């Protein structure tokens, strides 16, 4: 009886249409998406889509794209209006960069982020960043070296191209996780337009889906090294009549939180190794120990200052609270940490090893 049903089922499957599938030639691939707050109405949302236009010439250096924008009450409605203005289906499966306008982050972005979290076709490994002055202006920039639409951003964030200690990369899933977690604040990189090029050397720290502070270039570099152990960076020492720059080849950080109480403390150990690559004063291989002490003192000063700034602003991008909760099992551990953090002692100890003064003294 069952064998008799097989031919009938096979015949029915032959008539099943593929209406939901559209050929690649009938699709527009969205590679970057921007969200801005329009000037005319603060309650509306301006959506910008960067659509890559494929070319059959593999040797062409021309990056072809079109940017389509629409203003509406919701992102969903703006997307559907944009669909009425293009001749191909919008495909979000290749969306790799999400940009939030600088003005948008002055207020809570929880409503805007909800759309990205819910959509099935949005990659959760897409990078998310702040666009200054607007997300649309950043999307319009076409660097001369760019061969594919938005490829300059892809190379910067995944470190396949330029590796800068000032560039911080944040995934969509990471931003969602840290926004929901107790004991850590999410951080987003800031992309600025500068003379036709894109500059990524600052970062914003968020709290309750709203920007709390913007880090300076040096603060961003210090934070990136401390949390992500970014090694390719430089440290400048200006002490005791010496002025030299150390190129760091190895950077390690170790963070411990002692037991709660009067002696509670965040203990940060930093170990660096590098070579002096620039100096404005005479140096000698015989004085490397002196240079090491000067470098250690500078590292401790910079890191302590940054961590105390976070503490004063009640921000925790390093995730100290998360580490505290992970090693405690009390029911009120989160409330205890909130009471401890504003007054907790921060101790930074650096250990450096300068390998040499370069090929000259």
C-alpha atoms as a PDB file:
ATOM      1  CA  UNK A   1       0.000   0.000   0.000  1.00  0.00           C
ATOM      2  CA  UNK A   2       2.825   2.343   0.900  1.00  0.00           C
ATOM      3  CA  UNK A   3       4.702   1.509  -2.299  1.00  0.00           C
ATOM      4  CA  UNK A   4       1.669   2.574  -4.285  1.00  0.00           C
ATOM      5  CA  UNK A   5       1.725   6.038  -2.747  1.00  0.00           C
ATOM      6  CA  UNK A   6       5.303   6.799  -3.796  1.00  0.00           C
ATOM      7  CA  UNK A   7       4.553   7.505  -7.495  1.00  0.00           C
ATOM      8  CA  UNK A   8       1.678   9.802  -6.529  1.00  0.00           C
ATOM      9  CA  UNK A   9       3.866  11.755  -4.097  1.00  0.00           C
ATOM     10  CA  UNK A  10       6.586  12.072  -6.735  1.00  0.00           C
ATOM     11  CA  UNK A  11       4.134  13.458  -9.285  1.00  0.00           C
ATOM     12  CA  UNK A  12       2.838  16.031  -6.772  1.00  0.00           C
ATOM     13  CA  UNK A  13       6.374  17.209  -5.977  1.00  0.00           C
ATOM     14  CA  UNK A  14       6.943  17.905  -9.664  1.00  0.00           C
ATOM     15  CA  UNK A  15       4.205  20.547  -9.548  1.00  0.00           C
ATOM     16  CA  UNK A  16       5.534  22.293  -6.446  1.00  0.00           C
ATOM     17  CA  UNK A  17       6.721  25.728  -7.564  1.00  0.00           C
ATOM     18  CA  UNK A  18       9.741  27.673  -6.353  1.00  0.00           C
ATOM     19  CA  UNK A  19       7.936  30.969  -5.946  1.00  0.00           C
ATOM     20  CA  UNK A  20       9.973  31.973  -2.886  1.00  0.00           C
ATOM     21  CA  UNK A  21      13.304  31.747  -4.700  1.00  0.00           C
ATOM     22  CA  UNK A  22      14.674  34.538  -6.846  1.00  0.00           C
ATOM     23  CA  UNK A  23      17.677  34.192  -9.086  1.00  0.00           C
ATOM     24  CA  UNK A  24      20.867  36.020  -8.136  1.00  0.00           C
ATOM     25  CA  UNK A  25      20.412  38.347 -11.109  1.00  0.00           C
ATOM     26  CA  UNK A  26      17.145  39.534  -9.574  1.00  0.00           C
ATOM     27  CA  UNK A  27      18.617  40.499  -6.194  1.00  0.00           C
ATOM     28  CA  UNK A  28      20.233  43.569  -4.691  1.00  0.00           C
ATOM     29  CA  UNK A  29      22.749  42.658  -1.987  1.00  0.00           C
ATOM     30  CA  UNK A  30      22.634  45.060   0.971  1.00  0.00           C
ATOM     31  CA  UNK A  31      26.221  45.335   2.274  1.00  0.00           C
ATOM     32  CA  UNK A  32      25.828  48.271   4.677  1.00  0.00           C
ATOM     33  CA  UNK A  33      22.806  49.700   6.459  1.00  0.00           C
ATOM     34  CA  UNK A  34      22.589  53.038   8.237  1.00  0.00           C
ATOM     35  CA  UNK A  35      20.069  54.458  10.704  1.00  0.00           C
ATOM     36  CA  UNK A  36      19.861  58.230  11.284  1.00  0.00           C
ATOM     37  CA  UNK A  37      17.566  60.668  13.028  1.00  0.00           C
ATOM     38  CA  UNK A  38      16.205  63.192  10.470  1.00  0.00           C
ATOM     39  CA  UNK A  39      16.375  66.873  11.363  1.00  0.00           C
ATOM     40  CA  UNK A  40      12.756  67.644  10.513  1.00  0.00           C
ATOM     41  CA  UNK A  41      11.179  65.233  13.018  1.00  0.00           C
ATOM     42  CA  UNK A  42      12.962  63.633  15.936  1.00  0.00           C
ATOM     43  CA  UNK A  43      10.470  60.741  16.133  1.00  0.00           C
ATOM     44  CA  UNK A  44      11.046  59.520  12.576  1.00  0.00           C
ATOM     45  CA  UNK A  45      13.810  57.178  11.404  1.00  0.00           C
ATOM     46  CA  UNK A  46      15.935  57.627   8.303  1.00  0.00           C
ATOM     47  CA  UNK A  47      17.047  54.314   6.814  1.00  0.00           C
ATOM     48  CA  UNK A  48      19.888  54.129   4.292  1.00  0.00           C
ATOM     49  CA  UNK A  49      20.815  50.994   2.348  1.00  0.00           C
ATOM     50  CA  UNK A  50      24.054  50.567   0.429  1.00  0.00           C
ATOM     51  CA  UNK A  51      23.366  48.194  -2.450  1.00  0.00           C
ATOM     52  CA  UNK A  52      26.329  46.571  -4.186  1.00  0.00           C
ATOM     53  CA  UNK A  53      26.130  46.447  -7.975  1.00  0.00           C
ATOM     54  CA  UNK A  54      28.015  43.377  -9.227  1.00  0.00           C
ATOM     55  CA  UNK A  55      30.154  43.587 -12.355  1.00  0.00           C
ATOM     56  CA  UNK A  56      31.195  40.834 -14.723  1.00  0.00           C
ATOM     57  CA  UNK A  57      34.703  42.228 -15.103  1.00  0.00           C
ATOM     58  CA  UNK A  58      36.811  40.593 -12.360  1.00  0.00           C
ATOM     59  CA  UNK A  59      39.790  42.839 -13.183  1.00  0.00           C
ATOM     60  CA  UNK A  60      37.853  46.056 -12.710  1.00  0.00           C
ATOM     61  CA  UNK A  61      38.906  48.322  -9.837  1.00  0.00           C
ATOM     62  CA  UNK A  62      35.605  50.189  -9.869  1.00  0.00           C
ATOM     63  CA  UNK A  63      33.489  49.858  -6.717  1.00  0.00           C
ATOM     64  CA  UNK A  64      29.906  50.224  -7.910  1.00  0.00           C
ATOM     65  CA  UNK A  65      27.048  50.789  -5.498  1.00  0.00           C
ATOM     66  CA  UNK A  66      23.885  52.785  -4.996  1.00  0.00           C
ATOM     67  CA  UNK A  67      22.561  54.255  -1.731  1.00  0.00           C
ATOM     68  CA  UNK A  68      18.803  54.398  -1.245  1.00  0.00           C
ATOM     69  CA  UNK A  69      17.291  56.283   1.707  1.00  0.00           C
ATOM     70  CA  UNK A  70      13.811  56.562   3.147  1.00  0.00           C
ATOM     71  CA  UNK A  71      12.313  58.276   6.201  1.00  0.00           C
ATOM     72  CA  UNK A  72       9.461  56.643   8.081  1.00  0.00           C
ATOM     73  CA  UNK A  73       8.090  55.889  11.540  1.00  0.00           C
ATOM     74  CA  UNK A  74       9.572  52.384  11.573  1.00  0.00           C
ATOM     75  CA  UNK A  75      12.470  50.581   9.947  1.00  0.00           C
ATOM     76  CA  UNK A  76      10.123  47.923   8.582  1.00  0.00           C
ATOM     77  CA  UNK A  77       7.985  50.475   6.769  1.00  0.00           C
ATOM     78  CA  UNK A  78      11.032  52.296   5.384  1.00  0.00           C
ATOM     79  CA  UNK A  79      12.397  49.014   3.974  1.00  0.00           C
ATOM     80  CA  UNK A  80       9.129  48.239   2.207  1.00  0.00           C
ATOM     81  CA  UNK A  81       8.961  51.717   0.714  1.00  0.00           C
ATOM     82  CA  UNK A  82      12.532  51.331  -0.549  1.00  0.00           C
ATOM     83  CA  UNK A  83      11.470  48.050  -2.194  1.00  0.00           C
ATOM     84  CA  UNK A  84       8.966  50.005  -4.284  1.00  0.00           C
ATOM     85  CA  UNK A  85      11.826  52.136  -5.656  1.00  0.00           C
ATOM     86  CA  UNK A  86      14.169  49.388  -6.815  1.00  0.00           C
ATOM     87  CA  UNK A  87      13.722  46.732  -9.485  1.00  0.00           C
ATOM     88  CA  UNK A  88      15.297  43.820  -7.605  1.00  0.00           C
ATOM     89  CA  UNK A  89      14.620  41.981  -4.363  1.00  0.00           C
ATOM     90  CA  UNK A  90      16.593  43.240  -1.344  1.00  0.00           C
ATOM     91  CA  UNK A  91      18.842  40.544   0.103  1.00  0.00           C
ATOM     92  CA  UNK A  92      20.145  41.200   3.657  1.00  0.00           C
ATOM     93  CA  UNK A  93      22.113  37.960   3.865  1.00  0.00           C
ATOM     94  CA  UNK A  94      25.363  39.801   3.020  1.00  0.00           C
ATOM     95  CA  UNK A  95      24.835  42.751   5.377  1.00  0.00           C
ATOM     96  CA  UNK A  96      28.160  43.083   7.213  1.00  0.00           C
ATOM     97  CA  UNK A  97      28.143  46.619   8.657  1.00  0.00           C
ATOM     98  CA  UNK A  98      25.396  48.408  10.624  1.00  0.00           C
ATOM     99  CA  UNK A  99      25.904  52.129  11.163  1.00  0.00           C
ATOM    100  CA  UNK A 100      24.106  54.267  13.745  1.00  0.00           C
ATOM    101  CA  UNK A 101      24.100  58.025  13.222  1.00  0.00           C
ATOM    102  CA  UNK A 102      26.001  60.065  15.789  1.00  0.00           C
ATOM    103  CA  UNK A 103      22.929  62.130  16.667  1.00  0.00           C
ATOM    104  CA  UNK A 104      20.829  58.967  17.091  1.00  0.00           C
ATOM    105  CA  UNK A 105      22.971  57.691  19.969  1.00  0.00           C
ATOM    106  CA  UNK A 106      22.308  60.789  22.089  1.00  0.00           C
ATOM    107  CA  UNK A 107      19.078  59.004  23.006  1.00  0.00           C
ATOM    108  CA  UNK A 108      18.200  55.374  23.622  1.00  0.00           C
ATOM    109  CA  UNK A 109      18.657  53.162  20.549  1.00  0.00           C
ATOM    110  CA  UNK A 110      16.791  50.197  22.006  1.00  0.00           C
ATOM    111  CA  UNK A 111      13.836  50.678  19.643  1.00  0.00           C
ATOM    112  CA  UNK A 112      16.061  50.774  16.547  1.00  0.00           C
ATOM    113  CA  UNK A 113      18.136  47.751  17.584  1.00  0.00           C
ATOM    114  CA  UNK A 114      15.019  45.623  18.064  1.00  0.00           C
ATOM    115  CA  UNK A 115      14.609  45.268  14.282  1.00  0.00           C
ATOM    116  CA  UNK A 116      18.141  43.918  13.815  1.00  0.00           C
ATOM    117  CA  UNK A 117      17.747  41.425  16.644  1.00  0.00           C
ATOM    118  CA  UNK A 118      14.489  39.963  15.331  1.00  0.00           C
ATOM    119  CA  UNK A 119      15.240  39.616  11.610  1.00  0.00           C
ATOM    120  CA  UNK A 120      16.258  36.094  10.618  1.00  0.00           C
ATOM    121  CA  UNK A 121      18.244  37.236   7.568  1.00  0.00           C
ATOM    122  CA  UNK A 122      20.464  39.692   9.485  1.00  0.00           C
ATOM    123  CA  UNK A 123      23.834  38.161  10.315  1.00  0.00           C
ATOM    124  CA  UNK A 124      24.523  38.357  14.019  1.00  0.00           C
ATOM    125  CA  UNK A 125      28.230  38.560  13.124  1.00  0.00           C
ATOM    126  CA  UNK A 126      27.644  41.855  11.316  1.00  0.00           C
ATOM    127  CA  UNK A 127      29.763  44.695  12.700  1.00  0.00           C
ATOM    128  CA  UNK A 128      28.033  47.630  14.341  1.00  0.00           C
ATOM    129  CA  UNK A 129      29.514  51.124  14.623  1.00  0.00           C
ATOM    130  CA  UNK A 130      28.726  54.839  15.007  1.00  0.00           C
ATOM    131  CA  UNK A 131      28.757  57.025  11.885  1.00  0.00           C
ATOM    132  CA  UNK A 132      29.859  60.650  12.286  1.00  0.00           C
ATOM    133  CA  UNK A 133      28.399  63.099  11.339  1.00  0.00           C
ATOM    134  CA  UNK A 134      25.731  60.699  10.036  1.00  0.00           C
ATOM    135  CA  UNK A 135      25.567  57.093   8.968  1.00  0.00           C
ATOM    136  CA  UNK A 136      24.553  58.164   5.466  1.00  0.00           C
ATOM    137  CA  UNK A 137      27.618  60.411   5.057  1.00  0.00           C
ATOM    138  CA  UNK A 138      29.918  57.566   6.068  1.00  0.00           C
ATOM    139  CA  UNK A 139      28.222  55.225   3.594  1.00  0.00           C
ATOM    140  CA  UNK A 140      28.740  57.692   0.738  1.00  0.00           C
ATOM    141  CA  UNK A 141      32.520  57.723   1.138  1.00  0.00           C
ATOM    142  CA  UNK A 142      34.324  55.784  -1.583  1.00  0.00           C
ATOM    143  CA  UNK A 143      38.066  55.515  -0.842  1.00  0.00           C
ATOM    144  CA  UNK A 144      40.211  55.406  -4.006  1.00  0.00           C
ATOM    145  CA  UNK A 145      41.623  52.002  -3.021  1.00  0.00           C
ATOM    146  CA  UNK A 146      38.217  50.368  -2.528  1.00  0.00           C
ATOM    147  CA  UNK A 147      37.473  47.663  -5.111  1.00  0.00           C
ATOM    148  CA  UNK A 148      34.231  46.355  -3.588  1.00  0.00           C
ATOM    149  CA  UNK A 149      31.412  48.285  -1.941  1.00  0.00           C
ATOM    150  CA  UNK A 150      32.216  48.909   1.777  1.00  0.00           C
ATOM    151  CA  UNK A 151      35.284  46.672   1.521  1.00  0.00           C
ATOM    152  CA  UNK A 152      37.438  49.268   3.285  1.00  0.00           C
ATOM    153  CA  UNK A 153      35.307  48.860   6.425  1.00  0.00           C
ATOM    154  CA  UNK A 154      35.383  45.077   6.185  1.00  0.00           C
ATOM    155  CA  UNK A 155      39.183  45.056   5.988  1.00  0.00           C
ATOM    156  CA  UNK A 156      39.517  47.454   8.923  1.00  0.00           C
ATOM    157  CA  UNK A 157      37.195  45.577  11.262  1.00  0.00           C
ATOM    158  CA  UNK A 158      38.379  42.027  10.568  1.00  0.00           C
ATOM    159  CA  UNK A 159      42.072  43.101  10.646  1.00  0.00           C
ATOM    160  CA  UNK A 160      42.716  41.575   7.219  1.00  0.00           C
ATOM    161  CA  UNK A 161      43.963  44.936   5.979  1.00  0.00           C
ATOM    162  CA  UNK A 162      45.201  47.688   8.251  1.00  0.00           C
ATOM    163  CA  UNK A 163      45.814  46.676  11.897  1.00  0.00           C
ATOM    164  CA  UNK A 164      45.388  49.756  14.038  1.00  0.00           C
ATOM    165  CA  UNK A 165      45.461  49.812  17.864  1.00  0.00           C
ATOM    166  CA  UNK A 166      42.831  52.569  17.706  1.00  0.00           C
ATOM    167  CA  UNK A 167      40.252  50.408  15.879  1.00  0.00           C
ATOM    168  CA  UNK A 168      37.751  48.443  17.968  1.00  0.00           C
ATOM    169  CA  UNK A 169      35.456  45.871  16.350  1.00  0.00           C
ATOM    170  CA  UNK A 170      32.056  44.975  17.815  1.00  0.00           C
ATOM    171  CA  UNK A 171      29.688  42.331  16.472  1.00  0.00           C
ATOM    172  CA  UNK A 172      25.905  42.664  16.595  1.00  0.00           C
ATOM    173  CA  UNK A 173      25.559  39.600  18.846  1.00  0.00           C
ATOM    174  CA  UNK A 174      28.253  41.021  21.139  1.00  0.00           C
ATOM    175  CA  UNK A 175      26.461  44.354  21.476  1.00  0.00           C
ATOM    176  CA  UNK A 176      23.199  42.546  22.256  1.00  0.00           C
ATOM    177  CA  UNK A 177      24.821  40.270  24.832  1.00  0.00           C
ATOM    178  CA  UNK A 178      26.655  43.053  26.652  1.00  0.00           C
ATOM    179  CA  UNK A 179      23.572  45.300  26.615  1.00  0.00           C
ATOM    180  CA  UNK A 180      21.611  42.568  28.382  1.00  0.00           C
ATOM    181  CA  UNK A 181      24.348  41.418  30.776  1.00  0.00           C
ATOM    182  CA  UNK A 182      24.799  42.754  34.287  1.00  0.00           C
ATOM    183  CA  UNK A 183      28.360  43.846  34.914  1.00  0.00           C
ATOM    184  CA  UNK A 184      29.639  44.994  31.517  1.00  0.00           C
ATOM    185  CA  UNK A 185      28.990  47.986  29.240  1.00  0.00           C
ATOM    186  CA  UNK A 186      29.016  47.636  25.426  1.00  0.00           C
ATOM    187  CA  UNK A 187      31.498  49.642  23.347  1.00  0.00           C
ATOM    188  CA  UNK A 188      31.072  50.759  19.733  1.00  0.00           C
ATOM    189  CA  UNK A 189      33.722  52.196  17.381  1.00  0.00           C
ATOM    190  CA  UNK A 190      33.228  55.649  15.856  1.00  0.00           C
ATOM    191  CA  UNK A 191      33.743  56.110  12.102  1.00  0.00           C
ATOM    192  CA  UNK A 192      34.408  59.677  10.951  1.00  0.00           C
ATOM    193  CA  UNK A 193      34.637  61.188   7.483  1.00  0.00           C
ATOM    194  CA  UNK A 194      37.980  62.941   6.992  1.00  0.00           C
ATOM    195  CA  UNK A 195      38.963  64.385   3.586  1.00  0.00           C
ATOM    196  CA  UNK A 196      37.313  61.649   1.579  1.00  0.00           C
ATOM    197  CA  UNK A 197      38.631  58.852   3.804  1.00  0.00           C
ATOM    198  CA  UNK A 198      37.217  56.953   6.774  1.00  0.00           C
ATOM    199  CA  UNK A 199      38.859  57.410  10.180  1.00  0.00           C
ATOM    200  CA  UNK A 200      38.300  54.875  12.975  1.00  0.00           C
ATOM    201  CA  UNK A 201      40.198  55.882  16.111  1.00  0.00           C
ATOM    202  CA  UNK A 202      37.611  56.563  18.825  1.00  0.00           C
ATOM    203  CA  UNK A 203      34.926  54.586  20.646  1.00  0.00           C
ATOM    204  CA  UNK A 204      31.676  55.207  22.534  1.00  0.00           C
ATOM    205  CA  UNK A 205      30.725  53.455  25.766  1.00  0.00           C
ATOM    206  CA  UNK A 206      27.014  52.707  26.152  1.00  0.00           C
ATOM    207  CA  UNK A 207      24.809  52.308  29.178  1.00  0.00           C
ATOM    208  CA  UNK A 208      21.113  51.440  28.955  1.00  0.00           C
ATOM    209  CA  UNK A 209      21.293  51.615  25.134  1.00  0.00           C
ATOM    210  CA  UNK A 210      22.477  55.220  25.295  1.00  0.00           C
ATOM    211  CA  UNK A 211      25.939  56.703  24.762  1.00  0.00           C
ATOM    212  CA  UNK A 212      27.513  57.535  28.110  1.00  0.00           C
ATOM    213  CA  UNK A 213      30.944  58.866  27.103  1.00  0.00           C
ATOM    214  CA  UNK A 214      33.197  59.064  24.043  1.00  0.00           C
ATOM    215  CA  UNK A 215      36.789  57.985  24.522  1.00  0.00           C
ATOM    216  CA  UNK A 216      39.654  60.026  23.111  1.00  0.00           C
ATOM    217  CA  UNK A 217      42.115  58.479  20.670  1.00  0.00           C
ATOM    218  CA  UNK A 218      44.648  57.602  23.370  1.00  0.00           C
ATOM    219  CA  UNK A 219      41.938  56.294  25.705  1.00  0.00           C
ATOM    220  CA  UNK A 220      40.606  54.109  22.903  1.00  0.00           C
ATOM    221  CA  UNK A 221      44.078  52.711  22.256  1.00  0.00           C
ATOM    222  CA  UNK A 222      44.636  51.999  25.953  1.00  0.00           C
ATOM    223  CA  UNK A 223      41.245  50.308  26.325  1.00  0.00           C
ATOM    224  CA  UNK A 224      41.790  48.200  23.200  1.00  0.00           C
ATOM    225  CA  UNK A 225      45.144  46.982  24.496  1.00  0.00           C
ATOM    226  CA  UNK A 226      43.849  46.337  28.012  1.00  0.00           C
ATOM    227  CA  UNK A 227      40.694  44.405  27.124  1.00  0.00           C
ATOM    228  CA  UNK A 228      41.638  42.781  23.820  1.00  0.00           C
ATOM    229  CA  UNK A 229      45.406  42.561  24.386  1.00  0.00           C
ATOM    230  CA  UNK A 230      46.063  44.308  21.082  1.00  0.00           C
ATOM    231  CA  UNK A 231      49.794  44.022  20.603  1.00  0.00           C
ATOM    232  CA  UNK A 232      50.726  46.193  17.629  1.00  0.00           C
ATOM    233  CA  UNK A 233      50.891  49.592  19.293  1.00  0.00           C
ATOM    234  CA  UNK A 234      53.300  52.165  20.615  1.00  0.00           C
ATOM    235  CA  UNK A 235      53.833  53.779  24.004  1.00  0.00           C
ATOM    236  CA  UNK A 236      55.501  57.153  24.485  1.00  0.00           C
ATOM    237  CA  UNK A 237      57.611  57.918  27.560  1.00  0.00           C
ATOM    238  CA  UNK A 238      58.402  61.498  28.617  1.00  0.00           C
ATOM    239  CA  UNK A 239      60.140  61.290  31.981  1.00  0.00           C
ATOM    240  CA  UNK A 240      63.420  62.384  33.580  1.00  0.00           C
ATOM    241  CA  UNK A 241      64.679  64.156  30.504  1.00  0.00           C
ATOM    242  CA  UNK A 242      63.989  61.140  28.295  1.00  0.00           C
ATOM    243  CA  UNK A 243      61.653  61.061  25.315  1.00  0.00           C
ATOM    244  CA  UNK A 244      61.327  57.751  23.501  1.00  0.00           C
ATOM    245  CA  UNK A 245      58.702  55.579  21.824  1.00  0.00           C
ATOM    246  CA  UNK A 246      58.451  51.846  22.423  1.00  0.00           C
ATOM    247  CA  UNK A 247      56.953  49.560  19.763  1.00  0.00           C
ATOM    248  CA  UNK A 248      55.034  46.844  21.616  1.00  0.00           C
ATOM    249  CA  UNK A 249      55.293  43.320  20.213  1.00  0.00           C
ATOM    250  CA  UNK A 250      53.653  41.488  23.111  1.00  0.00           C
ATOM    251  CA  UNK A 251      50.932  42.791  25.469  1.00  0.00           C
ATOM    252  CA  UNK A 252      49.299  40.674  28.168  1.00  0.00           C
ATOM    253  CA  UNK A 253      46.843  41.712  30.854  1.00  0.00           C
ATOM    254  CA  UNK A 254      45.584  39.816  33.886  1.00  0.00           C
ATOM    255  CA  UNK A 255      42.669  41.064  35.982  1.00  0.00           C
ATOM    256  CA  UNK A 256      41.697  39.807  39.438  1.00  0.00           C
ATOM    257  CA  UNK A 257      39.059  40.967  41.900  1.00  0.00           C
ATOM    258  CA  UNK A 258      39.798  40.317  45.564  1.00  0.00           C
ATOM    259  CA  UNK A 259      37.142  39.335  48.094  1.00  0.00           C
ATOM    260  CA  UNK A 260      34.561  41.919  49.011  1.00  0.00           C
ATOM    261  CA  UNK A 261      35.156  43.943  52.124  1.00  0.00           C
ATOM    262  CA  UNK A 262      37.215  46.871  53.259  1.00  0.00           C
ATOM    263  CA  UNK A 263      40.237  45.570  51.326  1.00  0.00           C
ATOM    264  CA  UNK A 264      38.321  44.837  48.118  1.00  0.00           C
ATOM    265  CA  UNK A 265      40.345  45.740  45.032  1.00  0.00           C
ATOM    266  CA  UNK A 266      40.620  45.321  41.298  1.00  0.00           C
ATOM    267  CA  UNK A 267      44.143  44.133  40.603  1.00  0.00           C
ATOM    268  CA  UNK A 268      45.395  44.591  37.035  1.00  0.00           C
ATOM    269  CA  UNK A 269      48.686  43.060  35.968  1.00  0.00           C
ATOM    270  CA  UNK A 270      50.179  44.149  32.633  1.00  0.00           C
ATOM    271  CA  UNK A 271      53.156  42.589  30.908  1.00  0.00           C
ATOM    272  CA  UNK A 272      54.658  44.176  27.779  1.00  0.00           C
ATOM    273  CA  UNK A 273      57.602  43.454  25.554  1.00  0.00           C
ATOM    274  CA  UNK A 274      58.951  45.630  22.784  1.00  0.00           C
ATOM    275  CA  UNK A 275      61.730  47.684  21.206  1.00  0.00           C
ATOM    276  CA  UNK A 276      62.490  51.376  21.225  1.00  0.00           C
ATOM    277  CA  UNK A 277      61.785  52.629  17.707  1.00  0.00           C
ATOM    278  CA  UNK A 278      62.086  56.407  18.129  1.00  0.00           C
ATOM    279  CA  UNK A 279      63.867  58.786  20.502  1.00  0.00           C
ATOM    280  CA  UNK A 280      64.575  62.484  20.912  1.00  0.00           C
ATOM    281  CA  UNK A 281      67.448  61.893  23.306  1.00  0.00           C
ATOM    282  CA  UNK A 282      70.572  59.750  23.382  1.00  0.00           C
ATOM    283  CA  UNK A 283      69.990  56.197  24.543  1.00  0.00           C
ATOM    284  CA  UNK A 284      72.264  53.410  25.695  1.00  0.00           C
ATOM    285  CA  UNK A 285      71.812  49.643  25.869  1.00  0.00           C
ATOM    286  CA  UNK A 286      73.359  49.760  29.326  1.00  0.00           C
ATOM    287  CA  UNK A 287      70.420  51.766  30.689  1.00  0.00           C
ATOM    288  CA  UNK A 288      67.630  49.424  29.568  1.00  0.00           C
ATOM    289  CA  UNK A 289      66.619  48.775  33.172  1.00  0.00           C
ATOM    290  CA  UNK A 290      66.073  52.503  33.686  1.00  0.00           C
ATOM    291  CA  UNK A 291      63.996  52.690  30.515  1.00  0.00           C
ATOM    292  CA  UNK A 292      61.937  49.713  31.673  1.00  0.00           C
ATOM    293  CA  UNK A 293      61.094  51.434  34.955  1.00  0.00           C
ATOM    294  CA  UNK A 294      60.078  54.614  33.145  1.00  0.00           C
ATOM    295  CA  UNK A 295      57.862  52.614  30.782  1.00  0.00           C
ATOM    296  CA  UNK A 296      56.248  50.690  33.631  1.00  0.00           C
ATOM    297  CA  UNK A 297      55.498  53.922  35.462  1.00  0.00           C
ATOM    298  CA  UNK A 298      53.893  55.392  32.330  1.00  0.00           C
ATOM    299  CA  UNK A 299      51.733  52.315  31.735  1.00  0.00           C
ATOM    300  CA  UNK A 300      50.516  52.300  35.335  1.00  0.00           C
ATOM    301  CA  UNK A 301      49.654  55.998  35.159  1.00  0.00           C
ATOM    302  CA  UNK A 302      47.699  55.705  31.901  1.00  0.00           C
ATOM    303  CA  UNK A 303      45.776  52.542  32.800  1.00  0.00           C
ATOM    304  CA  UNK A 304      44.941  53.691  36.336  1.00  0.00           C
ATOM    305  CA  UNK A 305      43.637  57.009  35.011  1.00  0.00           C
ATOM    306  CA  UNK A 306      41.372  55.321  32.474  1.00  0.00           C
ATOM    307  CA  UNK A 307      39.966  52.762  34.915  1.00  0.00           C
ATOM    308  CA  UNK A 308      39.264  55.440  37.522  1.00  0.00           C
ATOM    309  CA  UNK A 309      37.455  57.479  34.872  1.00  0.00           C
ATOM    310  CA  UNK A 310      35.207  54.488  34.194  1.00  0.00           C
ATOM    311  CA  UNK A 311      34.647  54.104  37.930  1.00  0.00           C
ATOM    312  CA  UNK A 312      33.698  57.770  38.416  1.00  0.00           C
ATOM    313  CA  UNK A 313      31.170  57.542  35.549  1.00  0.00           C
ATOM    314  CA  UNK A 314      29.738  54.253  36.918  1.00  0.00           C
ATOM    315  CA  UNK A 315      30.733  52.509  33.687  1.00  0.00           C
ATOM    316  CA  UNK A 316      32.260  49.068  33.373  1.00  0.00           C
ATOM    317  CA  UNK A 317      33.340  48.306  29.780  1.00  0.00           C
ATOM    318  CA  UNK A 318      36.094  46.034  31.114  1.00  0.00           C
ATOM    319  CA  UNK A 319      33.500  43.677  32.594  1.00  0.00           C
ATOM    320  CA  UNK A 320      34.733  43.769  36.200  1.00  0.00           C
ATOM    321  CA  UNK A 321      31.182  43.237  37.465  1.00  0.00           C
ATOM    322  CA  UNK A 322      30.747  40.246  35.189  1.00  0.00           C
ATOM    323  CA  UNK A 323      33.949  38.687  36.528  1.00  0.00           C
ATOM    324  CA  UNK A 324      32.811  39.360  40.090  1.00  0.00           C
ATOM    325  CA  UNK A 325      29.436  37.681  39.521  1.00  0.00           C
ATOM    326  CA  UNK A 326      31.069  34.700  37.813  1.00  0.00           C
ATOM    327  CA  UNK A 327      33.091  33.886  40.923  1.00  0.00           C
ATOM    328  CA  UNK A 328      30.378  34.479  43.539  1.00  0.00           C
ATOM    329  CA  UNK A 329      27.213  32.566  44.266  1.00  0.00           C
ATOM    330  CA  UNK A 330      25.238  34.834  46.601  1.00  0.00           C
ATOM    331  CA  UNK A 331      21.669  35.724  45.691  1.00  0.00           C
ATOM    332  CA  UNK A 332      22.360  39.448  46.021  1.00  0.00           C
ATOM    333  CA  UNK A 333      25.793  39.388  44.336  1.00  0.00           C
ATOM    334  CA  UNK A 334      24.767  42.004  41.755  1.00  0.00           C
ATOM    335  CA  UNK A 335      23.507  44.437  44.394  1.00  0.00           C
ATOM    336  CA  UNK A 336      26.699  43.918  46.389  1.00  0.00           C
ATOM    337  CA  UNK A 337      28.870  44.683  43.373  1.00  0.00           C
ATOM    338  CA  UNK A 338      26.969  47.905  42.615  1.00  0.00           C
ATOM    339  CA  UNK A 339      27.675  49.004  46.170  1.00  0.00           C
ATOM    340  CA  UNK A 340      31.351  48.031  46.024  1.00  0.00           C
ATOM    341  CA  UNK A 341      32.341  49.322  42.576  1.00  0.00           C
ATOM    342  CA  UNK A 342      32.173  53.099  43.224  1.00  0.00           C
ATOM    343  CA  UNK A 343      34.649  52.783  46.111  1.00  0.00           C
ATOM    344  CA  UNK A 344      36.722  49.757  45.162  1.00  0.00           C
ATOM    345  CA  UNK A 345      40.499  50.199  45.040  1.00  0.00           C
ATOM    346  CA  UNK A 346      42.156  49.916  41.626  1.00  0.00           C
ATOM    347  CA  UNK A 347      45.722  48.634  41.630  1.00  0.00           C
ATOM    348  CA  UNK A 348      47.774  48.459  38.444  1.00  0.00           C
ATOM    349  CA  UNK A 349      51.144  46.740  38.251  1.00  0.00           C
ATOM    350  CA  UNK A 350      53.162  46.800  35.026  1.00  0.00           C
ATOM    351  CA  UNK A 351      56.138  44.705  34.023  1.00  0.00           C
ATOM    352  CA  UNK A 352      58.053  45.644  30.876  1.00  0.00           C
ATOM    353  CA  UNK A 353      60.903  44.120  28.934  1.00  0.00           C
ATOM    354  CA  UNK A 354      62.534  46.400  26.378  1.00  0.00           C
ATOM    355  CA  UNK A 355      64.549  44.183  24.043  1.00  0.00           C
ATOM    356  CA  UNK A 356      66.785  46.919  22.673  1.00  0.00           C
ATOM    357  CA  UNK A 357      67.133  50.443  21.379  1.00  0.00           C
ATOM    358  CA  UNK A 358      66.834  49.523  17.721  1.00  0.00           C
ATOM    359  CA  UNK A 359      69.768  49.002  15.360  1.00  0.00           C
ATOM    360  CA  UNK A 360      71.457  52.176  16.652  1.00  0.00           C
ATOM    361  CA  UNK A 361      72.101  53.714  20.059  1.00  0.00           C
END
